[in-house]
Amino acid sequence: MEISGLIRQAHRLLEARECRRIPAREMASRIGVSSRAYTEYERGTNEPLAMKALISLLSSLEDDEIIKIIRSWQNESKNKTHD
């Protein structure tokens, strides 16, 4: 899973926890970046800054939610190496 996938997954978990759709504009505000920058992170462009955005998003999640995202990423990485 690319960083963009991790960002989308963290975004979805935050939405689920809050039981509402969180627009990219609001998510961008939460992590202190422009809406355009956040959209680029979700698309997988500008990976170095996307990593900072991912860390900001993860800091908004509970430990078990972070573990779920990391395990999903690890499983996907393992599957890619076995293909």
Protein backbone atom coordinates (compact mmCIF):
# COMPACT_ATOMS: atom_id res chain seq x y z
CA MET A 1 0.00 0.00 0.00
CA GLU A 2 1.36 3.38 -0.95
CA ILE A 3 1.36 6.32 1.44
CA SER A 4 -1.71 7.61 -0.39
CA GLY A 5 -3.55 4.41 0.50
CA LEU A 6 -2.60 4.77 4.14
CA ILE A 7 -3.87 8.36 4.12
CA ARG A 8 -7.20 7.29 2.59
CA GLN A 9 -7.54 4.47 5.13
CA ALA A 10 -6.85 6.80 8.07
CA HIS A 11 -9.36 9.29 6.64
CA ARG A 12 -12.02 6.57 6.40
CA LEU A 13 -11.39 5.47 10.00
CA LEU A 14 -11.79 9.04 11.24
CA GLU A 15 -15.02 9.33 9.26
CA ALA A 16 -16.33 6.08 10.72
CA ARG A 17 -15.46 7.11 14.26
CA GLU A 18 -17.25 10.42 13.84
CA CYS A 19 -20.13 8.81 11.90
CA ARG A 20 -20.05 11.43 9.15
CA ARG A 21 -18.39 12.25 5.89
CA ILE A 22 -15.37 14.47 6.45
CA PRO A 23 -14.56 16.51 3.34
CA ALA A 24 -10.95 16.66 2.19
CA ARG A 25 -11.07 20.41 2.89
CA GLU A 26 -11.78 19.78 6.58
CA MET A 27 -9.20 17.00 6.80
CA ALA A 28 -6.64 19.34 5.25
CA SER A 29 -7.46 21.95 7.87
CA ARG A 30 -7.06 19.39 10.66
CA ILE A 31 -3.53 18.53 9.57
CA GLY A 32 -2.57 22.09 8.63
CA VAL A 33 -2.23 21.88 4.86
CA SER A 34 -4.12 23.34 1.91
CA SER A 35 -7.03 21.46 0.35
CA ARG A 36 -5.01 21.10 -2.84
CA ALA A 37 -2.05 19.62 -0.96
CA TYR A 38 -4.29 17.14 0.84
CA THR A 39 -5.87 16.05 -2.45
CA GLU A 40 -2.40 15.54 -3.91
CA TYR A 41 -1.45 13.39 -0.90
CA GLU A 42 -4.54 11.22 -1.45
CA ARG A 43 -3.57 10.82 -5.10
CA GLY A 44 -0.04 9.78 -4.21
CA THR A 45 1.87 12.84 -5.35
CA ASN A 46 4.43 14.62 -3.19
CA GLU A 47 5.29 11.55 -1.08
CA PRO A 48 7.74 13.23 1.35
CA LEU A 49 5.13 15.75 2.52
CA ALA A 50 2.42 13.08 2.38
CA MET A 51 4.34 11.19 5.06
CA LYS A 52 4.02 14.21 7.38
CA ALA A 53 0.29 14.35 6.61
CA LEU A 54 -0.04 10.64 7.38
CA ILE A 55 1.64 11.10 10.74
CA SER A 56 -0.75 13.96 11.54
CA LEU A 57 -3.74 11.81 10.60
CA LEU A 58 -2.49 8.85 12.62
CA SER A 59 -2.11 11.06 15.67
CA SER A 60 -5.89 11.59 15.52
CA LEU A 61 -6.61 7.87 15.75
CA GLU A 62 -6.72 5.44 18.64
CA ASP A 63 -3.88 2.94 19.04
CA ASP A 64 -5.97 -0.02 17.84
CA GLU A 65 -6.97 1.90 14.71
CA ILE A 66 -3.33 2.70 13.95
CA ILE A 67 -2.40 -0.96 14.42
CA LYS A 68 -5.18 -1.95 12.01
CA ILE A 69 -3.80 0.38 9.33
CA ILE A 70 -0.21 -0.80 9.80
CA ARG A 71 -1.19 -4.48 9.70
CA SER A 72 -3.18 -3.88 6.53
CA TRP A 73 -0.14 -2.20 4.99
CA GLN A 74 2.15 -5.04 6.11
CA ASN A 75 -0.18 -7.70 4.68
CA GLU A 76 -0.41 -5.89 1.37
CA SER A 77 3.38 -5.56 1.24
CA LYS A 78 3.79 -9.29 1.94
CA ASN A 79 1.30 -10.16 -0.79
CA LYS A 80 3.21 -8.02 -3.31
CA THR A 81 6.49 -9.83 -2.55
CA HIS A 82 4.81 -13.23 -3.02
CA ASP A 83 3.31 -12.34 -6.41
